[in-house]
Amino acid sequence: MTQFTNHLNILSDSCKETIEQMTRLKIKNINIEKTEQQTKELPFAHVIAYTDYDKNMDGNFILSFEKEEAALNLSSAISERLGIGKFEEICEDSIDLLNEFLNIVVGRTISEWDKIGLKVKFGIPVLKRKHKSEDSKNLQAYTIIMNVIDTSESTDDGKDVEQIILKVDLSIVLRVDLSNKIENKIKDKKILIVEDSRVMRKIIAKILKKEGATVEEAGDGEEAIMVHKTFNPDLTLMDINMPKMNGLESIIHIKEFHPKAKFIILSSSSRKDEIITAKTLNVSGYLIKPVEADQLIKRVSNIL
């Protein structure tokens, strides 16, 4: 934790300032604990891509609520301060308030990190519902636990009530995941995208080019064979259902002159017969369309 102590203290201070500004809650104490690594689904997560210039590494900074109850309690506290009233369940308005809260926290944190000379470039925070936090040797996960005091006034007799410490299960609990030293395995690799949909090709190509790959495209199986001979890619993303020649037939022909060629199958379905055939051809992976950017990058990185 030593490596991240200063960064986490700045983050927790940003959380404290934002909570006390947007609600009638006061932070009694803050505890930062290293979280046991485990694959779990987080109800709300802000995922922010970053680049560490000193270490020439890319990764993700993830700020999330570990429990939906904590997210609901905080959104209710914000809405009550605004005079809207309490939320009974997570809804569009409560998510909007949480989104605003987390954006402010992230903005304040980045500004303070910049002051201490942290040479990191951050992307735009993306709010994800039901974000899956996965095990990783490179993932440093911490939980920030904030015990809060409600400073609201009682209107029953016009007198101030004693400050009430909220129960443990009502404490603000945030989870922070810091991906550190994630090597970019896609950079400078040659990748061929074979897909009959021009739009889909362009979307996938854009994602991979952003990671530093050299990309070539083909619109059908026959064209893929010709491009593969001259391009000799490190990896080919191959659609199955295409005109002229399907992807599986194309793989068979390509392996005749490039037997060690690597392939990831792209398919709109998970048909058992396709999967079995793909396994007989020793393909390296199988992705169901539409493919999300983080899923694509992860699968390609694992194979390269």
Protein backbone atom coordinates (compact mmCIF):
# COMPACT_ATOMS: atom_id res chain seq x y z
CA MET A 1 0.00 0.00 0.00
CA THR A 2 3.00 2.30 0.54
CA GLN A 3 3.25 3.08 -3.16
CA PHE A 4 -0.31 4.39 -3.27
CA THR A 5 -0.61 5.92 0.24
CA ASN A 6 -0.30 9.55 -0.83
CA HIS A 7 -2.55 9.05 -3.84
CA LEU A 8 -5.23 7.32 -1.77
CA ASN A 9 -5.12 9.97 0.96
CA ILE A 10 -5.74 12.65 -1.66
CA LEU A 11 -8.61 10.61 -3.10
CA SER A 12 -10.21 10.07 0.32
CA ASP A 13 -9.89 13.80 1.12
CA SER A 14 -11.63 14.57 -2.19
CA CYS A 15 -14.44 12.17 -1.26
CA LYS A 16 -14.76 13.78 2.19
CA GLU A 17 -14.90 17.34 0.81
CA THR A 18 -17.44 16.40 -1.86
CA ILE A 19 -19.71 14.51 0.56
CA GLU A 20 -19.70 17.35 3.08
CA GLN A 21 -20.37 19.89 0.33
CA MET A 22 -23.22 18.00 -1.35
CA THR A 23 -24.96 16.55 1.73
CA ARG A 24 -25.65 17.30 5.41
CA LEU A 25 -23.31 14.51 6.40
CA LYS A 26 -20.04 15.02 8.24
CA ILE A 27 -17.22 12.51 8.01
CA LYS A 28 -16.32 11.20 11.46
CA ASN A 29 -13.40 9.03 10.39
CA ILE A 30 -11.88 7.42 7.30
CA ASN A 31 -10.29 4.01 7.07
CA ILE A 32 -8.44 2.71 4.00
CA GLU A 33 -8.06 -1.06 3.75
CA LYS A 34 -6.44 -3.25 1.11
CA THR A 35 -9.14 -5.41 -0.45
CA GLU A 36 -8.80 -9.14 -0.93
CA GLN A 37 -8.58 -10.01 -4.62
CA GLN A 38 -11.77 -11.62 -5.83
CA THR A 39 -13.92 -11.53 -8.93
CA LYS A 40 -17.10 -9.68 -8.08
CA GLU A 41 -19.76 -7.50 -9.65
CA LEU A 42 -19.80 -3.89 -8.48
CA PRO A 43 -23.16 -2.08 -8.76
CA PHE A 44 -21.65 1.24 -9.89
CA ALA A 45 -18.14 1.97 -11.13
CA HIS A 46 -16.38 4.91 -12.72
CA VAL A 47 -13.73 3.47 -15.03
CA ILE A 48 -11.04 5.91 -16.10
CA ALA A 49 -8.29 4.92 -18.52
CA TYR A 50 -4.89 6.38 -17.70
CA THR A 51 -1.33 6.50 -19.01
CA ASP A 52 1.65 6.66 -16.66
CA TYR A 53 4.35 8.50 -18.61
CA ASP A 54 7.17 7.72 -16.14
CA LYS A 55 6.64 3.96 -16.42
CA ASN A 56 5.31 3.94 -20.00
CA MET A 57 2.32 1.92 -18.81
CA ASP A 58 -1.41 2.04 -19.43
CA GLY A 59 -4.12 0.91 -17.06
CA ASN A 60 -7.47 1.72 -15.46
CA PHE A 61 -8.38 3.68 -12.37
CA ILE A 62 -11.70 2.35 -11.05
CA LEU A 63 -13.72 4.14 -8.38
CA SER A 64 -16.86 2.32 -7.37
CA PHE A 65 -19.47 1.60 -4.73
CA GLU A 66 -18.96 -1.85 -3.27
CA LYS A 67 -22.65 -2.20 -2.26
CA GLU A 68 -25.80 -0.85 -3.88
CA GLU A 69 -27.04 0.11 -0.42
CA ALA A 70 -24.13 2.52 0.01
CA ALA A 71 -24.90 4.09 -3.37
CA LEU A 72 -28.58 4.45 -2.46
CA ASN A 73 -27.79 6.03 0.92
CA LEU A 74 -25.43 8.59 -0.58
CA SER A 75 -27.77 9.52 -3.45
CA SER A 76 -30.57 9.99 -0.90
CA ALA A 77 -28.38 12.21 1.26
CA ILE A 78 -27.58 14.38 -1.77
CA SER A 79 -31.23 14.59 -2.86
CA GLU A 80 -32.37 15.51 0.67
CA ARG A 81 -29.83 18.36 0.74
CA LEU A 82 -31.35 19.57 -2.56
CA GLY A 83 -34.86 19.35 -1.10
CA ILE A 84 -35.94 16.54 -3.42
CA GLY A 85 -36.53 13.96 -0.69
CA LYS A 86 -35.27 10.46 -0.10
CA PHE A 87 -34.95 7.70 -2.72
CA GLU A 88 -36.56 4.36 -1.93
CA GLU A 89 -34.58 2.57 -4.64
CA ILE A 90 -31.96 3.20 -7.27
CA CYS A 91 -33.53 5.07 -10.19
CA GLU A 92 -32.52 7.34 -13.06
CA ASP A 93 -32.41 10.43 -10.83
CA SER A 94 -30.34 8.74 -8.13
CA ILE A 95 -27.86 7.47 -10.74
CA ASP A 96 -27.61 10.98 -12.15
CA LEU A 97 -26.71 12.34 -8.71
CA LEU A 98 -24.16 9.58 -8.13
CA ASN A 99 -22.66 10.29 -11.53
CA GLU A 100 -22.28 13.96 -10.63
CA PHE A 101 -20.79 13.09 -7.24
CA LEU A 102 -18.19 10.72 -8.66
CA ASN A 103 -17.27 13.12 -11.46
CA ILE A 104 -16.59 15.85 -8.89
CA VAL A 105 -14.50 13.47 -6.77
CA VAL A 106 -12.49 12.38 -9.80
CA GLY A 107 -11.99 15.97 -10.94
CA ARG A 108 -10.75 17.10 -7.53
CA THR A 109 -8.48 14.07 -7.20
CA ILE A 110 -6.86 14.56 -10.59
CA SER A 111 -6.25 18.26 -9.85
CA GLU A 112 -4.53 17.43 -6.55
CA TRP A 113 -2.48 14.61 -8.08
CA ASP A 114 -1.31 17.03 -10.73
CA LYS A 115 -0.03 19.37 -8.00
CA ILE A 116 2.24 16.66 -6.56
CA GLY A 117 3.72 15.98 -9.98
CA LEU A 118 1.99 12.69 -10.77
CA LYS A 119 2.67 12.36 -14.51
CA VAL A 120 -0.53 10.57 -15.43
CA LYS A 121 -2.96 11.38 -18.22
CA PHE A 122 -6.57 10.42 -17.48
CA GLY A 123 -9.36 9.72 -19.95
CA ILE A 124 -13.00 10.66 -19.53
CA PRO A 125 -14.70 8.89 -16.58
CA VAL A 126 -17.23 6.30 -17.79
CA LEU A 127 -19.98 5.23 -15.40
CA LYS A 128 -20.76 1.53 -15.65
CA ARG A 129 -23.54 -0.37 -13.91
CA LYS A 130 -22.80 -3.90 -12.76
CA HIS A 131 -19.07 -3.60 -13.49
CA LYS A 132 -17.21 -6.86 -13.08
CA SER A 133 -14.03 -6.44 -11.05
CA GLU A 134 -11.68 -9.26 -11.98
CA ASP A 135 -8.69 -10.89 -10.36
CA SER A 136 -5.37 -9.58 -11.60
CA LYS A 137 -1.80 -9.78 -10.37
CA ASN A 138 -1.48 -6.15 -11.45
CA LEU A 139 -4.62 -4.94 -9.68
CA GLN A 140 -4.23 -3.07 -6.41
CA ALA A 141 -7.66 -2.86 -4.77
CA TYR A 142 -8.55 -0.77 -1.72
CA THR A 143 -11.74 0.01 0.15
CA ILE A 144 -12.30 3.47 1.63
CA ILE A 145 -14.72 3.26 4.56
CA MET A 146 -16.18 6.55 5.75
CA ASN A 147 -18.23 6.64 8.95
CA VAL A 148 -20.54 9.63 8.78
CA ILE A 149 -22.57 11.79 11.15
CA ASP A 150 -25.98 13.15 10.15
CA THR A 151 -26.13 16.85 11.06
CA SER A 152 -29.73 17.35 9.95
CA GLU A 153 -31.97 19.27 12.33
CA SER A 154 -35.10 17.81 13.88
CA THR A 155 -38.31 19.72 13.12
CA ASP A 156 -40.40 18.01 15.83
CA ASP A 157 -39.71 20.53 18.60
CA GLY A 158 -37.55 23.04 16.82
CA LYS A 159 -34.41 21.98 18.68
CA ASP A 160 -31.25 20.51 17.34
CA VAL A 161 -30.93 16.80 17.91
CA GLU A 162 -27.72 15.16 18.93
CA GLN A 163 -25.48 14.14 16.11
CA ILE A 164 -26.22 10.57 15.19
CA ILE A 165 -23.55 8.21 14.00
CA LEU A 166 -25.03 6.15 11.21
CA LYS A 167 -24.95 2.40 11.57
CA VAL A 168 -22.09 0.45 10.08
CA ASP A 169 -24.24 -0.78 7.21
CA LEU A 170 -25.05 2.83 6.37
CA SER A 171 -21.44 3.94 6.24
CA ILE A 172 -20.18 5.25 2.93
CA VAL A 173 -18.12 2.46 1.43
CA LEU A 174 -16.19 3.04 -1.77
CA ARG A 175 -13.92 0.61 -3.53
CA VAL A 176 -10.88 1.75 -5.44
CA ASP A 177 -9.06 -0.44 -7.97
CA LEU A 178 -5.74 0.76 -9.33
CA SER A 179 -4.33 -1.20 -12.24
CA ASN A 180 -0.58 -0.76 -12.15
CA LYS A 181 2.13 -1.74 -14.62
CA ILE A 182 -0.15 -3.30 -17.23
CA GLU A 183 1.99 -3.98 -20.27
CA ASN A 184 0.46 -3.02 -23.60
CA LYS A 185 0.85 -6.21 -25.64
CA ILE A 186 -1.10 -4.87 -28.62
CA LYS A 187 1.23 -1.99 -29.46
CA ASP A 188 3.18 -2.47 -32.72
CA LYS A 189 1.44 -5.81 -33.44
CA LYS A 190 -0.07 -6.54 -36.86
CA ILE A 191 -3.74 -7.49 -36.73
CA LEU A 192 -6.02 -8.45 -39.62
CA ILE A 193 -9.77 -7.86 -39.27
CA VAL A 194 -11.95 -10.02 -41.52
CA GLU A 195 -15.59 -8.92 -41.37
CA ASP A 196 -18.20 -8.38 -44.10
CA SER A 197 -19.72 -5.44 -42.20
CA ARG A 198 -17.72 -2.32 -43.05
CA VAL A 199 -19.05 -0.49 -39.99
CA MET A 200 -18.06 -3.33 -37.66
CA ARG A 201 -14.59 -3.47 -39.23
CA LYS A 202 -14.10 0.25 -38.68
CA ILE A 203 -15.23 0.05 -35.04
CA ILE A 204 -12.87 -2.82 -34.22
CA ALA A 205 -10.02 -1.22 -36.18
CA LYS A 206 -10.43 2.05 -34.28
CA ILE A 207 -10.20 0.25 -30.92
CA LEU A 208 -7.06 -1.67 -31.90
CA LYS A 209 -5.34 1.30 -33.58
CA LYS A 210 -5.89 3.30 -30.40
CA GLU A 211 -3.89 0.59 -28.60
CA GLY A 212 -1.05 1.02 -31.12
CA ALA A 213 -1.70 -1.91 -33.48
CA THR A 214 -1.10 -1.89 -37.24
CA VAL A 215 -4.38 -2.96 -38.79
CA GLU A 216 -5.41 -4.33 -42.20
CA GLU A 217 -8.97 -5.20 -43.21
CA ALA A 218 -10.71 -7.75 -45.45
CA GLY A 219 -14.40 -8.02 -46.35
CA ASP A 220 -14.67 -11.78 -46.97
CA GLY A 221 -12.81 -15.07 -46.67
CA GLU A 222 -11.21 -14.95 -50.12
CA GLU A 223 -9.85 -11.45 -49.60
CA ALA A 224 -8.57 -12.53 -46.18
CA ILE A 225 -6.37 -15.21 -47.79
CA MET A 226 -4.78 -12.68 -50.17
CA VAL A 227 -4.19 -10.05 -47.46
CA HIS A 228 -2.81 -12.63 -45.02
CA LYS A 229 -0.14 -13.75 -47.53
CA THR A 230 1.32 -10.24 -47.85
CA PHE A 231 0.52 -8.79 -44.42
CA ASN A 232 1.48 -11.87 -42.34
CA PRO A 233 -0.39 -10.65 -39.22
CA ASP A 234 0.39 -11.59 -35.61
CA LEU A 235 -3.35 -12.23 -35.12
CA THR A 236 -6.48 -12.39 -37.29
CA LEU A 237 -9.99 -11.58 -36.10
CA MET A 238 -12.17 -13.73 -38.37
CA ASP A 239 -15.91 -13.43 -38.86
CA ILE A 240 -17.64 -16.74 -39.66
CA ASN A 241 -20.65 -15.91 -41.84
CA MET A 242 -19.44 -14.00 -44.92
CA PRO A 243 -20.14 -14.05 -48.68
CA LYS A 244 -17.88 -15.88 -51.19
CA MET A 245 -16.07 -17.89 -48.49
CA ASN A 246 -16.89 -18.22 -44.80
CA GLY A 247 -14.38 -17.67 -42.03
CA LEU A 248 -13.77 -21.30 -41.13
CA GLU A 249 -12.95 -22.22 -44.74
CA SER A 250 -10.65 -19.23 -44.97
CA ILE A 251 -8.77 -20.34 -41.84
CA ILE A 252 -8.19 -23.79 -43.38
CA HIS A 253 -6.64 -22.23 -46.51
CA ILE A 254 -4.52 -19.74 -44.54
CA LYS A 255 -3.10 -22.47 -42.31
CA GLU A 256 -1.82 -24.25 -45.42
CA PHE A 257 0.78 -21.50 -45.94
CA HIS A 258 0.87 -20.03 -42.40
CA PRO A 259 0.39 -23.08 -40.12
CA LYS A 260 1.22 -21.11 -36.96
CA ALA A 261 -1.24 -18.29 -37.71
CA LYS A 262 -3.37 -17.19 -34.74
CA PHE A 263 -7.11 -16.55 -34.99
CA ILE A 264 -9.97 -15.20 -32.90
CA ILE A 265 -13.40 -16.13 -34.22
CA LEU A 266 -16.04 -13.38 -34.40
CA SER A 267 -19.61 -14.65 -34.42
CA SER A 268 -23.13 -13.34 -33.88
CA SER A 269 -24.06 -16.55 -32.09
CA SER A 270 -22.52 -19.26 -29.93
CA ARG A 271 -23.59 -22.24 -32.04
CA LYS A 272 -22.14 -25.48 -30.75
CA ASP A 273 -21.18 -26.77 -34.20
CA GLU A 274 -19.19 -23.59 -34.95
CA ILE A 275 -17.36 -23.80 -31.63
CA ILE A 276 -16.47 -27.46 -32.20
CA THR A 277 -15.19 -26.74 -35.72
CA ALA A 278 -13.19 -23.77 -34.44
CA LYS A 279 -11.55 -25.98 -31.81
CA THR A 280 -10.49 -28.51 -34.44
CA LEU A 281 -8.74 -25.66 -36.26
CA ASN A 282 -6.92 -24.67 -33.03
CA VAL A 283 -8.21 -21.11 -33.01
CA SER A 284 -7.05 -19.05 -30.05
CA GLY A 285 -10.35 -17.47 -29.04
CA TYR A 286 -14.06 -17.00 -29.73
CA LEU A 287 -15.92 -13.68 -29.31
CA ILE A 288 -19.66 -13.05 -29.62
CA LYS A 289 -20.69 -9.83 -31.39
CA PRO A 290 -21.25 -7.07 -30.54
CA VAL A 291 -17.86 -7.00 -28.86
CA GLU A 292 -17.19 -4.44 -26.11
CA ALA A 293 -13.88 -2.57 -26.32
CA ASP A 294 -12.50 -3.76 -22.97
CA GLN A 295 -13.45 -7.37 -23.73
CA LEU A 296 -11.77 -7.20 -27.15
CA ILE A 297 -8.58 -5.64 -25.78
CA LYS A 298 -8.37 -8.19 -22.97
CA ARG A 299 -8.85 -11.20 -25.27
CA VAL A 300 -6.39 -9.93 -27.90
CA SER A 301 -3.78 -9.08 -25.22
CA ASN A 302 -4.05 -12.55 -23.69
CA ILE A 303 -3.35 -14.20 -27.05
CA LEU A 304 -0.51 -11.98 -28.26
